[in-house]
Amino acid sequence: MSLLNEVARRRTFAIISHPDAGKTTLTEKLLLFAGAIQIAGSVKARKASRHASSDWMEIEKQRGISVASSVMQMEYRDCVINLLDTPGHQDFSEDTYRVLTAVDAALMVIDAANGVEPQTIRLLQVCRARNTPIITFINKMDREVREPLDLLAELEQHLGMDAVPFSWPVGMGRSFGGVFDIRRDRMRVFRSGADRVGADSDDIIEGIDNPEIVQRFGDSFERATGEMELLADASQPFDREAFLAGKQTPVFFGSAINNFGVQEVLDALVDLAPQPGSRHALQREVKPDETKFSGVVFKVQANMDPSHRDRVAFVRVCSGHFERGMRLKVARSGKEIRPNNVVSFLSQRRELLDDAYAGDVIGIPNHGVLHLGDVLTEGEALQFTGLPFFAPELFQAVEVADPLRTKQLRIGLNQLGEEGAIQVFRPDAGGAMLLGAVGQLQFEVVAHRLKSEYGVQARMMSSRYSMARWITAEDPKDLKKFMDANAQHIAHDVVDAPAFLISSSAQLRVAQEMYPKVQFHALREHGGQVFQTRVGDKSFA
């Protein structure tokens, strides 16, 4: 099969949602319907022997939440689907933001009882900023939920795009009868229970005028019919070009826990989601069907296999054809690697792969050679943009309870910092290492992982700092002058980028006034590069 055909087969998307909307459950059910797994674990049954296939950390299994992104590859209808499950909890939003730079589309899960929630809005803003196409699944229709017309209106209000229903619910909660497939003019009848898998597992009633539907569902169907007629008059018809431009979102209704509505979403991902597109590098536009390989590291994960203490770089293939053992150059360092044990994923399960194409996500085990944001090529110097690190808002000092484990603490913090699980700062004036986080839960996860993965009992202590800004200056002398004068507040992160640690916004304002030639940044890219951007209504500069 030609390179062009292989690229056309790829679909790479992330699943995003507010916590508890059912994202991880839907992830499992997509794997189940595609035939990638045989039994779906239950996130709610935290003490059971089975857990969500996409949650592999011990702490995820204990708490029943996703705290790290997972990558899963499967084949369905002659397409290769790369599915990235992201953490829903806002404390791990940085990981999700970076994953969204590696996908071509997003599947948004909405809890029908709660509507569009705060974390969903933040993720939508990131997708909108990148014009990422979004498919929407409104979940939990088997419960007492909000009116579907209200949900649709709220969706349009927050998305700033047209919501185009592909299916429409008939009833809700105990009276939930199923969904009417608007485009195929037929109703899929709901039956409770999650033992049904496949297109033929539900009853189908053909035709909106079929008297059997009215006979079985009465007022619920009459109401649904009226709502569909209202939408047909008031809303725009589906336009795939508008969808690909991030101006429309197809909307599906269902109940993931009951395997209902999953088939339609899976088919929509194949039929509607785009194949891999061009990606912007500082040097030029990189097209997916170029013969030369290029890829970017968007995630680094330590200890996915505890028995091997490995570090895996997740690489989004941007162009060309990857072959096992080929010579690749790390653009940042100039080092050459020849990866022979490259893997594809089904969560923590791995399979050695011989080749991959643009759109695929591959894992390269390594010992610190590859960092977040690194670009791999066959020799060309490329730098892809947009992989963000946000200035932390919470700080804690960390020490080791047993001084004999100091080396293990340093190794653990360095690896967790490089994978982006938390930000680690080394104060220039000495003393305890500092951890910076966006949310409190990050500290708990890091403490748990230090103990379980590195055998280190860490002692977390409060810190006087509440803010950090990466610092740069056009003239190195100006930067050195500032750092010397503020040595007690200077630290370096895991990529050795200097940062100014401060206790209040007033302290930052004074520093900006006294040192106008120094720039203070709340956002940096990989490798220490800092830049200005805007996410939603919050400006980072």
Protein backbone atom coordinates (compact mmCIF):
# COMPACT_ATOMS: atom_id res chain seq x y z
CA MET A 1 0.00 0.00 0.00
CA SER A 2 1.35 3.43 -0.92
CA LEU A 3 2.41 6.09 1.58
CA LEU A 4 -0.53 8.27 0.52
CA ASN A 5 -3.00 5.45 1.13
CA GLU A 6 -1.51 4.61 4.52
CA VAL A 7 -1.77 8.22 5.66
CA ALA A 8 -5.39 8.37 4.44
CA ARG A 9 -6.24 5.38 6.67
CA ARG A 10 -5.16 7.16 9.88
CA ARG A 11 -7.51 8.81 12.38
CA THR A 12 -5.87 10.36 15.43
CA PHE A 13 -8.06 11.94 18.08
CA ALA A 14 -8.24 12.74 21.81
CA ILE A 15 -11.17 12.20 24.15
CA ILE A 16 -11.81 15.22 26.39
CA SER A 17 -14.32 15.99 29.12
CA HIS A 18 -14.94 17.31 32.61
CA PRO A 19 -14.25 14.69 35.35
CA ASP A 20 -16.94 12.01 35.73
CA ALA A 21 -18.64 12.74 32.42
CA GLY A 22 -17.91 9.16 31.34
CA LYS A 23 -14.85 9.74 29.18
CA THR A 24 -12.84 6.72 30.27
CA THR A 25 -15.93 4.51 30.06
CA LEU A 26 -16.56 5.67 26.49
CA THR A 27 -12.88 5.06 25.68
CA GLU A 28 -13.22 1.45 26.77
CA LYS A 29 -16.44 0.96 24.87
CA LEU A 30 -14.88 2.28 21.65
CA LEU A 31 -12.10 -0.28 22.12
CA LEU A 32 -14.71 -2.94 22.80
CA PHE A 33 -16.80 -2.14 19.69
CA ALA A 34 -13.65 -2.02 17.54
CA GLY A 35 -12.68 -5.49 18.82
CA ALA A 36 -9.48 -4.28 20.51
CA ILE A 37 -10.51 -5.64 23.93
CA GLN A 38 -12.92 -8.37 24.97
CA ILE A 39 -14.00 -7.20 28.45
CA ALA A 40 -14.49 -3.63 29.57
CA GLY A 41 -13.31 -2.91 33.12
CA SER A 42 -15.39 -0.80 35.46
CA VAL A 43 -13.94 2.48 36.69
CA LYS A 44 -16.53 2.62 39.45
CA ALA A 45 -15.63 -0.81 40.80
CA ARG A 46 -12.39 0.46 42.28
CA LYS A 47 -11.84 -2.59 44.45
CA ALA A 48 -12.52 -5.04 41.64
CA SER A 49 -9.74 -6.92 39.91
CA ARG A 50 -10.54 -5.20 36.61
CA HIS A 51 -10.07 -1.50 36.04
CA ALA A 52 -10.41 0.79 33.08
CA SER A 53 -8.12 -0.43 30.30
CA SER A 54 -6.80 3.08 29.78
CA ASP A 55 -5.99 3.67 33.48
CA TRP A 56 -2.72 1.88 34.29
CA MET A 57 -1.17 3.70 37.27
CA GLU A 58 -1.81 2.20 40.70
CA ILE A 59 -3.16 5.51 41.98
CA GLU A 60 -5.60 5.67 39.05
CA LYS A 61 -6.94 2.26 39.97
CA GLN A 62 -7.30 3.24 43.64
CA ARG A 63 -9.06 6.56 43.01
CA GLY A 64 -10.99 5.66 39.88
CA ILE A 65 -9.72 8.72 37.98
CA SER A 66 -7.36 9.26 35.07
CA VAL A 67 -4.23 11.21 36.04
CA ALA A 68 -2.14 10.58 32.93
CA SER A 69 -2.87 10.42 29.24
CA SER A 70 -3.07 6.99 27.65
CA VAL A 71 -2.50 6.02 24.02
CA MET A 72 -4.35 3.21 22.29
CA GLN A 73 -4.18 2.03 18.70
CA MET A 74 -6.75 -0.16 17.01
CA GLU A 75 -8.02 -1.05 13.56
CA TYR A 76 -11.64 -0.59 12.52
CA ARG A 77 -13.19 -0.64 9.04
CA ASP A 78 -9.75 -0.65 7.40
CA CYS A 79 -8.74 2.47 9.35
CA VAL A 80 -5.97 2.71 11.92
CA ILE A 81 -7.35 4.64 14.88
CA ASN A 82 -5.00 6.30 17.35
CA LEU A 83 -7.07 7.13 20.42
CA LEU A 84 -5.62 9.31 23.19
CA ASP A 85 -7.48 9.27 26.51
CA THR A 86 -6.75 12.40 28.55
CA PRO A 87 -7.10 13.24 32.26
CA GLY A 88 -10.38 14.97 32.96
CA HIS A 89 -9.28 16.51 36.25
CA GLN A 90 -8.20 20.14 35.91
CA ASP A 91 -5.09 19.54 38.05
CA PHE A 92 -3.65 17.59 35.09
CA SER A 93 -4.72 20.00 32.37
CA GLU A 94 -1.12 20.58 31.19
CA ASP A 95 -0.87 16.94 30.11
CA THR A 96 -4.14 17.29 28.24
CA TYR A 97 -3.05 20.52 26.51
CA ARG A 98 0.09 18.81 25.24
CA VAL A 99 -1.87 15.80 23.99
CA LEU A 100 -4.16 18.12 22.04
CA THR A 101 -1.14 19.30 20.04
CA ALA A 102 -0.66 15.74 18.78
CA VAL A 103 -4.15 14.97 17.44
CA ASP A 104 -6.19 15.86 14.37
CA ALA A 105 -9.62 15.81 16.06
CA ALA A 106 -11.27 15.64 19.47
CA LEU A 107 -14.20 13.65 20.84
CA MET A 108 -15.91 15.67 23.57
CA VAL A 109 -18.00 13.87 26.18
CA ILE A 110 -20.77 15.84 27.92
CA ASP A 111 -22.66 14.68 31.02
CA ALA A 112 -26.31 15.21 30.04
CA ALA A 113 -27.23 16.01 33.65
CA ASN A 114 -24.57 18.70 34.10
CA GLY A 115 -24.14 20.15 30.62
CA VAL A 116 -20.97 21.99 29.63
CA GLU A 117 -18.77 22.17 32.75
CA PRO A 118 -15.75 24.40 33.55
CA GLN A 119 -12.95 21.99 32.62
CA THR A 120 -14.72 21.17 29.35
CA ILE A 121 -14.84 24.89 28.53
CA ARG A 122 -11.08 25.24 29.09
CA LEU A 123 -10.34 22.29 26.83
CA LEU A 124 -12.74 23.59 24.21
CA GLN A 125 -10.88 26.90 24.18
CA VAL A 126 -7.65 25.06 23.42
CA CYS A 127 -9.33 23.12 20.60
CA ARG A 128 -10.87 26.30 19.24
CA ALA A 129 -7.51 28.08 19.28
CA ARG A 130 -6.12 25.27 17.09
CA ASN A 131 -9.32 24.90 14.97
CA THR A 132 -9.44 21.26 15.98
CA PRO A 133 -12.57 19.48 14.65
CA ILE A 134 -14.80 18.29 17.50
CA ILE A 135 -17.34 15.46 17.61
CA THR A 136 -19.69 15.65 20.63
CA PHE A 137 -21.19 12.73 22.57
CA ILE A 138 -23.86 13.63 25.15
CA ASN A 139 -23.71 10.81 27.67
CA LYS A 140 -25.91 9.30 30.42
CA MET A 141 -29.26 9.72 28.67
CA ASP A 142 -30.56 6.74 30.66
CA ARG A 143 -30.65 9.03 33.71
CA GLU A 144 -32.82 12.00 34.63
CA VAL A 145 -31.00 14.72 32.72
CA ARG A 146 -31.47 18.17 31.23
CA GLU A 147 -33.62 18.86 28.20
CA PRO A 148 -31.71 18.09 24.98
CA LEU A 149 -32.63 21.44 23.39
CA ASP A 150 -31.15 23.24 26.40
CA LEU A 151 -27.99 21.15 26.15
CA LEU A 152 -27.64 21.96 22.47
CA ALA A 153 -28.08 25.69 23.10
CA GLU A 154 -25.49 25.64 25.89
CA LEU A 155 -23.11 23.73 23.68
CA GLU A 156 -23.34 26.35 20.92
CA GLN A 157 -22.96 29.18 23.41
CA HIS A 158 -19.70 27.85 24.85
CA LEU A 159 -18.27 26.39 21.65
CA GLY A 160 -18.97 29.36 19.45
CA MET A 161 -19.85 26.89 16.69
CA ASP A 162 -23.01 25.28 15.33
CA ALA A 163 -24.08 22.03 16.98
CA VAL A 164 -25.61 19.68 14.40
CA PRO A 165 -27.45 16.68 15.90
CA PHE A 166 -26.88 13.41 14.05
CA SER A 167 -29.14 11.58 16.49
CA TRP A 168 -31.88 12.72 18.86
CA PRO A 169 -33.04 11.17 22.14
CA VAL A 170 -36.52 9.79 22.63
CA GLY A 171 -37.27 10.35 26.31
CA MET A 172 -34.77 10.27 29.17
CA GLY A 173 -34.15 8.43 32.43
CA ARG A 174 -36.66 5.65 33.03
CA SER A 175 -38.60 6.66 29.93
CA PHE A 176 -35.52 6.69 27.69
CA GLY A 177 -36.58 4.76 24.61
CA GLY A 178 -33.51 5.21 22.45
CA VAL A 179 -32.22 7.61 19.82
CA PHE A 180 -33.50 8.49 16.40
CA ASP A 181 -30.79 8.46 13.72
CA ILE A 182 -31.66 11.62 11.80
CA ARG A 183 -29.43 10.97 8.81
CA ARG A 184 -30.48 7.33 8.36
CA ASP A 185 -34.16 7.91 9.23
CA ARG A 186 -34.43 5.13 11.78
CA MET A 187 -34.65 4.60 15.52
CA ARG A 188 -32.29 2.53 17.61
CA VAL A 189 -34.22 1.16 20.60
CA PHE A 190 -32.56 1.30 24.01
CA ARG A 191 -32.25 -1.73 26.24
CA SER A 192 -30.50 -1.50 29.60
CA GLY A 193 -27.36 -3.57 30.14
CA ALA A 194 -23.83 -3.45 28.80
CA ASP A 195 -23.65 -6.92 27.25
CA ARG A 196 -24.57 -5.80 23.75
CA VAL A 197 -21.75 -5.11 21.30
CA GLY A 198 -22.07 -4.53 17.56
CA ALA A 199 -24.29 -2.86 15.02
CA ASP A 200 -26.93 -5.61 15.16
CA SER A 201 -27.27 -5.83 18.96
CA ASP A 202 -30.17 -3.34 19.26
CA ASP A 203 -33.65 -3.27 17.76
CA ILE A 204 -33.96 -0.93 14.79
CA ILE A 205 -37.24 0.61 13.66
CA GLU A 206 -37.06 2.09 10.16
CA GLY A 207 -38.71 5.39 9.20
CA ILE A 208 -39.87 8.39 11.21
CA ASP A 209 -43.47 7.75 10.03
CA ASN A 210 -43.42 4.11 11.15
CA PRO A 211 -46.53 3.62 13.34
CA GLU A 212 -44.63 1.10 15.47
CA ILE A 213 -42.52 3.94 16.95
CA VAL A 214 -45.57 5.93 18.03
CA GLN A 215 -47.24 2.80 19.34
CA ARG A 216 -44.25 1.88 21.49
CA PHE A 217 -43.07 5.30 22.65
CA GLY A 218 -46.15 7.52 22.45
CA ASP A 219 -45.73 11.02 23.88
CA SER A 220 -41.93 10.72 24.16
CA PHE A 221 -41.61 10.17 20.43
CA GLU A 222 -44.17 12.85 19.57
CA ARG A 223 -42.13 15.33 21.61
CA ALA A 224 -38.85 14.19 20.01
CA THR A 225 -40.40 14.57 16.54
CA GLY A 226 -41.46 18.13 17.31
CA GLU A 227 -37.96 18.97 18.55
CA MET A 228 -36.37 17.48 15.43
CA GLU A 229 -38.71 19.49 13.19
CA LEU A 230 -37.81 22.64 15.12
CA LEU A 231 -34.10 21.93 14.71
CA ALA A 232 -34.50 21.21 10.99
CA ASP A 233 -35.99 24.68 10.50
CA ALA A 234 -33.66 26.59 12.81
CA SER A 235 -30.23 24.97 12.46
CA GLN A 236 -27.68 24.77 9.68
CA PRO A 237 -27.31 21.48 7.75
CA PHE A 238 -24.10 19.58 8.34
CA ASP A 239 -21.19 20.84 6.25
CA ARG A 240 -18.05 18.71 6.46
CA GLU A 241 -15.80 21.58 5.45
CA ALA A 242 -17.25 23.70 8.26
CA PHE A 243 -16.69 20.78 10.66
CA LEU A 244 -13.06 20.39 9.56
CA ALA A 245 -12.55 24.13 10.06
CA GLY A 246 -13.84 23.88 13.64
CA LYS A 247 -17.10 25.74 12.88
CA GLN A 248 -19.57 22.84 13.34
CA THR A 249 -19.74 19.87 15.68
CA PRO A 250 -21.81 16.71 14.99
CA VAL A 251 -23.74 15.73 18.15
CA PHE A 252 -24.66 12.20 19.26
CA PHE A 253 -26.69 11.06 22.28
CA GLY A 254 -26.34 7.81 24.19
CA SER A 255 -25.29 5.91 27.31
CA ALA A 256 -21.70 4.67 27.26
CA ILE A 257 -22.10 2.50 30.36
CA ASN A 258 -24.86 0.61 28.52
CA ASN A 259 -22.95 0.43 25.21
CA PHE A 260 -25.67 2.57 23.66
CA GLY A 261 -24.74 5.11 20.99
CA VAL A 262 -21.13 3.95 20.89
CA GLN A 263 -21.36 2.37 17.45
CA GLU A 264 -22.53 5.62 15.86
CA VAL A 265 -19.67 7.57 17.43
CA LEU A 266 -17.09 5.03 16.26
CA ASP A 267 -18.45 5.17 12.71
CA ALA A 268 -18.48 8.98 12.80
CA LEU A 269 -14.82 9.05 13.78
CA VAL A 270 -13.98 6.99 10.70
CA ASP A 271 -16.34 8.82 8.34
CA LEU A 272 -15.93 12.41 9.52
CA ALA A 273 -12.64 12.88 11.40
CA PRO A 274 -9.83 14.13 9.16
CA GLN A 275 -6.80 12.17 8.09
CA PRO A 276 -3.44 13.59 9.26
CA GLY A 277 -2.78 17.10 8.02
CA SER A 278 0.22 19.37 7.59
CA ARG A 279 2.03 20.58 10.70
CA HIS A 280 3.73 23.92 11.20
CA ALA A 281 7.44 24.02 12.02
CA LEU A 282 9.48 27.18 12.52
CA GLN A 283 11.38 26.38 9.33
CA ARG A 284 8.48 25.36 7.05
CA GLU A 285 5.18 23.53 6.66
CA VAL A 286 5.60 19.75 6.97
CA LYS A 287 3.19 17.63 4.91
CA PRO A 288 2.18 14.13 6.09
CA ASP A 289 2.84 12.43 2.74
CA GLU A 290 6.45 13.59 2.47
CA THR A 291 8.82 10.67 1.97
CA LYS A 292 11.17 11.72 4.79
CA PHE A 293 10.21 10.82 8.35
CA SER A 294 9.61 13.44 11.03
CA GLY A 295 8.02 13.17 14.45
CA VAL A 296 7.64 15.15 17.66
CA VAL A 297 7.75 13.98 21.29
CA PHE A 298 4.57 15.24 22.96
CA LYS A 299 4.73 13.10 26.09
CA VAL A 300 7.34 11.26 28.16
CA GLN A 301 6.21 8.61 30.63
CA ALA A 302 8.45 6.98 33.23
CA ASN A 303 7.86 3.52 34.67
CA MET A 304 4.96 2.31 32.54
CA ASP A 305 6.55 -1.09 33.11
CA PRO A 306 7.62 -1.07 36.80
CA SER A 307 9.76 -4.17 36.36
CA HIS A 308 11.99 -2.40 33.82
CA ARG A 309 11.97 1.19 35.16
CA ASP A 310 11.74 2.43 31.61
CA ARG A 311 11.07 5.85 30.11
CA VAL A 312 8.97 5.95 26.98
CA ALA A 313 8.82 8.93 24.63
CA PHE A 314 5.45 9.19 22.89
CA VAL A 315 6.08 10.41 19.35
CA ARG A 316 3.46 11.72 16.97
CA VAL A 317 4.59 10.80 13.45
CA CYS A 318 4.23 14.00 11.42
CA SER A 319 5.46 12.85 8.02
CA GLY A 320 6.82 9.93 6.10
CA HIS A 321 7.30 6.30 6.96
CA PHE A 322 8.96 5.08 10.15
CA GLU A 323 10.86 1.78 9.96
CA ARG A 324 12.34 0.00 12.95
CA GLY A 325 16.09 0.53 13.20
CA MET A 326 16.22 3.54 10.87
CA ARG A 327 18.71 6.30 11.66
CA LEU A 328 17.08 9.32 13.25
CA LYS A 329 18.50 12.61 14.44
CA VAL A 330 17.35 14.46 17.57
CA ALA A 331 17.11 18.05 16.29
CA ARG A 332 17.70 19.62 19.73
CA SER A 333 20.91 17.79 20.60
CA GLY A 334 22.13 16.57 17.21
CA LYS A 335 22.39 13.03 18.60
CA GLU A 336 21.69 10.10 16.33
CA ILE A 337 19.54 7.18 17.48
CA ARG A 338 18.52 3.91 15.86
CA PRO A 339 15.43 2.75 17.77
CA ASN A 340 14.91 -0.99 17.49
CA ASN A 341 12.36 -1.60 20.23
CA VAL A 342 9.69 0.87 19.19
CA VAL A 343 6.20 -0.03 20.39
CA SER A 344 2.54 0.67 19.74
CA PHE A 345 0.13 0.81 22.66
CA LEU A 346 -3.08 -0.47 24.07
CA SER A 347 -2.75 1.45 27.35
CA GLN A 348 0.08 -0.29 29.26
CA ARG A 349 0.11 -3.25 26.87
CA ARG A 350 2.66 -2.87 24.12
CA GLU A 351 3.53 -4.54 20.86
CA LEU A 352 6.76 -4.16 18.94
CA LEU A 353 6.13 -2.51 15.62
CA ASP A 354 8.10 -2.55 12.39
CA ASP A 355 6.72 0.58 10.80
CA ALA A 356 4.39 3.54 11.27
CA TYR A 357 3.00 6.39 9.21
CA ALA A 358 1.98 10.02 9.66
CA GLY A 359 -0.76 10.24 12.28
CA ASP A 360 0.44 7.23 14.27
CA VAL A 361 1.67 7.53 17.84
CA ILE A 362 4.69 5.36 18.61
CA GLY A 363 6.62 4.78 21.81
CA ILE A 364 10.42 4.91 21.91
CA PRO A 365 11.94 3.54 25.15
CA ASN A 366 15.06 5.50 26.06
CA HIS A 367 17.23 6.58 28.98
CA GLY A 368 16.78 10.35 28.98
CA VAL A 369 17.88 10.99 25.39
CA LEU A 370 14.43 12.24 24.35
CA HIS A 371 12.66 15.13 26.05
CA LEU A 372 9.24 16.72 25.66
CA GLY A 373 9.10 18.66 22.40
CA ASP A 374 12.07 16.94 20.78
CA VAL A 375 11.82 16.56 17.00
CA LEU A 376 13.11 13.43 15.26
CA THR A 377 14.02 13.58 11.57
CA GLU A 378 16.21 11.82 9.03
CA GLY A 379 18.65 14.72 9.28
CA GLU A 380 16.72 17.94 8.68
CA ALA A 381 16.70 20.52 11.48
CA LEU A 382 13.05 21.11 12.35
CA GLN A 383 11.31 22.60 15.36
CA PHE A 384 7.57 22.17 15.84
CA THR A 385 5.84 24.78 17.95
CA GLY A 386 3.04 24.88 20.48
CA LEU A 387 3.97 22.38 23.24
CA PRO A 388 3.16 24.37 26.39
CA PHE A 389 4.42 24.48 29.97
CA PHE A 390 2.40 26.80 32.20
CA ALA A 391 3.88 28.68 35.13
CA PRO A 392 2.89 26.82 38.33
CA GLU A 393 0.48 28.38 40.78
CA LEU A 394 1.24 26.16 43.78
CA PHE A 395 4.61 25.31 45.33
CA GLN A 396 5.94 22.84 47.85
CA ALA A 397 9.47 22.07 48.99
CA VAL A 398 10.41 18.41 48.97
CA GLU A 399 12.95 16.49 51.02
CA VAL A 400 13.66 12.81 51.46
CA ALA A 401 12.73 11.24 54.78
CA ASP A 402 15.74 8.88 54.61
CA PRO A 403 18.98 10.73 53.67
CA LEU A 404 20.34 7.48 52.20
CA ARG A 405 17.67 7.76 49.48
CA THR A 406 18.72 11.25 48.34
CA LYS A 407 20.04 9.94 45.02
CA GLN A 408 16.79 8.09 44.32
CA LEU A 409 14.82 11.27 45.10
CA ARG A 410 16.92 13.27 42.65
CA ILE A 411 16.50 10.64 39.92
CA GLY A 412 12.75 10.39 40.52
CA LEU A 413 12.17 14.13 40.51
CA ASN A 414 14.28 14.58 37.39
CA GLN A 415 12.35 11.90 35.49
CA LEU A 416 8.92 13.05 36.69
CA GLY A 417 9.85 16.63 35.82
CA GLU A 418 10.99 15.66 32.33
CA GLU A 419 7.76 13.80 31.64
CA GLY A 420 5.75 16.86 32.71
CA ALA A 421 4.01 15.22 35.68
CA ILE A 422 5.12 18.17 37.79
CA GLN A 423 7.56 21.04 37.46
CA VAL A 424 10.79 20.73 39.40
CA PHE A 425 12.93 23.73 40.29
CA ARG A 426 16.48 23.67 41.66
CA PRO A 427 17.09 26.87 43.70
CA ASP A 428 20.40 28.48 42.79
CA ALA A 429 20.97 29.41 46.44
CA GLY A 430 20.75 25.75 47.49
CA GLY A 431 18.32 24.08 49.86
CA ALA A 432 15.37 21.80 49.21
CA MET A 433 14.11 21.17 45.70
CA LEU A 434 10.86 22.94 44.84
CA LEU A 435 7.86 21.38 43.14
CA GLY A 436 5.52 23.59 41.14
CA ALA A 437 2.01 22.48 40.20
CA VAL A 438 -1.17 23.76 38.61
CA GLY A 439 -3.33 21.77 41.07
CA GLN A 440 -2.94 20.24 44.53
CA LEU A 441 -3.61 16.71 43.33
CA GLN A 442 -0.36 16.78 41.35
CA PHE A 443 1.61 16.83 44.61
CA GLU A 444 -0.28 13.80 45.89
CA VAL A 445 0.31 11.87 42.69
CA VAL A 446 4.03 12.70 42.67
CA ALA A 447 4.42 11.66 46.33
CA HIS A 448 2.63 8.39 45.55
CA ARG A 449 4.76 7.73 42.48
CA LEU A 450 8.01 8.56 44.28
CA LYS A 451 7.14 5.93 46.88
CA SER A 452 5.75 3.23 44.60
CA GLU A 453 8.06 3.66 41.58
CA TYR A 454 11.32 4.91 43.14
CA GLY A 455 11.14 3.63 46.73
CA VAL A 456 11.39 7.16 48.15
CA GLN A 457 9.34 8.44 51.06
CA ALA A 458 9.16 12.16 50.27
CA ARG A 459 8.41 14.84 52.81
CA MET A 460 6.38 17.73 51.36
CA MET A 461 6.62 21.13 53.03
CA SER A 462 4.92 24.46 52.46
CA SER A 463 6.75 27.09 50.43
CA ARG A 464 6.75 30.88 50.62
CA TYR A 465 6.47 31.12 46.83
CA SER A 466 3.17 31.51 44.99
CA MET A 467 4.32 32.41 41.49
CA ALA A 468 7.09 31.71 38.99
CA ARG A 469 8.12 33.43 35.79
CA TRP A 470 10.67 32.21 33.30
CA ILE A 471 13.14 34.98 32.51
CA THR A 472 14.93 36.01 29.33
CA ALA A 473 16.72 39.09 27.97
CA GLU A 474 18.09 40.04 24.57
CA ASP A 475 21.47 40.83 26.13
CA PRO A 476 22.86 38.00 28.34
CA LYS A 477 24.53 40.66 30.51
CA ASP A 478 21.14 42.10 31.46
CA LEU A 479 19.91 38.64 32.42
CA LYS A 480 23.03 37.92 34.51
CA LYS A 481 22.72 41.27 36.27
CA PHE A 482 19.13 40.49 37.25
CA MET A 483 19.96 36.95 38.39
CA ASP A 484 22.91 38.10 40.50
CA ALA A 485 20.80 40.78 42.20
CA ASN A 486 17.98 38.33 42.92
CA ALA A 487 20.00 35.16 43.57
CA GLN A 488 17.77 34.10 46.50
CA HIS A 489 14.78 33.94 44.14
CA ILE A 490 16.35 32.28 41.10
CA ALA A 491 15.92 28.60 40.25
CA HIS A 492 16.43 26.40 37.19
CA ASP A 493 13.95 23.83 35.92
CA VAL A 494 14.62 20.37 34.46
CA VAL A 495 15.72 21.80 31.10
CA ASP A 496 17.90 24.35 32.90
CA ALA A 497 15.68 27.31 31.99
CA PRO A 498 16.05 30.07 34.62
CA ALA A 499 12.98 31.14 36.57
CA PHE A 500 12.20 33.95 39.00
CA LEU A 501 10.34 32.64 42.10
CA ILE A 502 8.17 35.20 43.85
CA SER A 503 5.65 35.49 46.66
CA SER A 504 3.23 38.07 45.26
CA SER A 505 2.18 39.86 42.11
CA ALA A 506 3.43 43.11 43.70
CA GLN A 507 6.93 41.66 43.84
CA LEU A 508 6.68 40.83 40.14
CA ARG A 509 5.56 44.35 39.26
CA VAL A 510 8.50 45.87 41.15
CA ALA A 511 10.94 43.59 39.34
CA GLN A 512 9.44 44.47 35.95
CA GLU A 513 9.78 48.18 36.70
CA MET A 514 13.37 47.92 37.97
CA TYR A 515 14.55 45.66 35.14
CA PRO A 516 12.71 46.71 31.95
CA LYS A 517 15.18 44.80 29.74
CA VAL A 518 14.24 41.47 31.35
CA GLN A 519 11.17 39.62 30.09
CA PHE A 520 9.04 37.61 32.53
CA HIS A 521 7.09 34.72 30.98
CA ALA A 522 4.21 32.67 32.37
CA LEU A 523 4.53 30.12 29.59
CA ARG A 524 7.43 28.32 28.02
CA GLU A 525 7.84 25.73 25.34
CA HIS A 526 10.15 22.76 25.51
CA GLY A 527 13.88 23.33 25.72
CA GLY A 528 13.42 26.56 27.64
CA GLN A 529 11.98 28.59 24.75
CA VAL A 530 9.41 31.06 26.08
CA PHE A 531 6.66 32.85 24.22
CA GLN A 532 3.41 34.74 24.60
CA THR A 533 0.02 33.29 23.86
CA ARG A 534 -3.60 33.49 24.91
CA VAL A 535 -5.78 30.66 26.14
CA GLY A 536 -9.42 31.62 26.56
CA ASP A 537 -9.69 34.85 28.51
CA LYS A 538 -6.38 34.39 30.33
CA SER A 539 -3.35 36.06 28.84
CA PHE A 540 0.07 34.58 29.42
CA ALA A 541 3.04 36.85 28.89
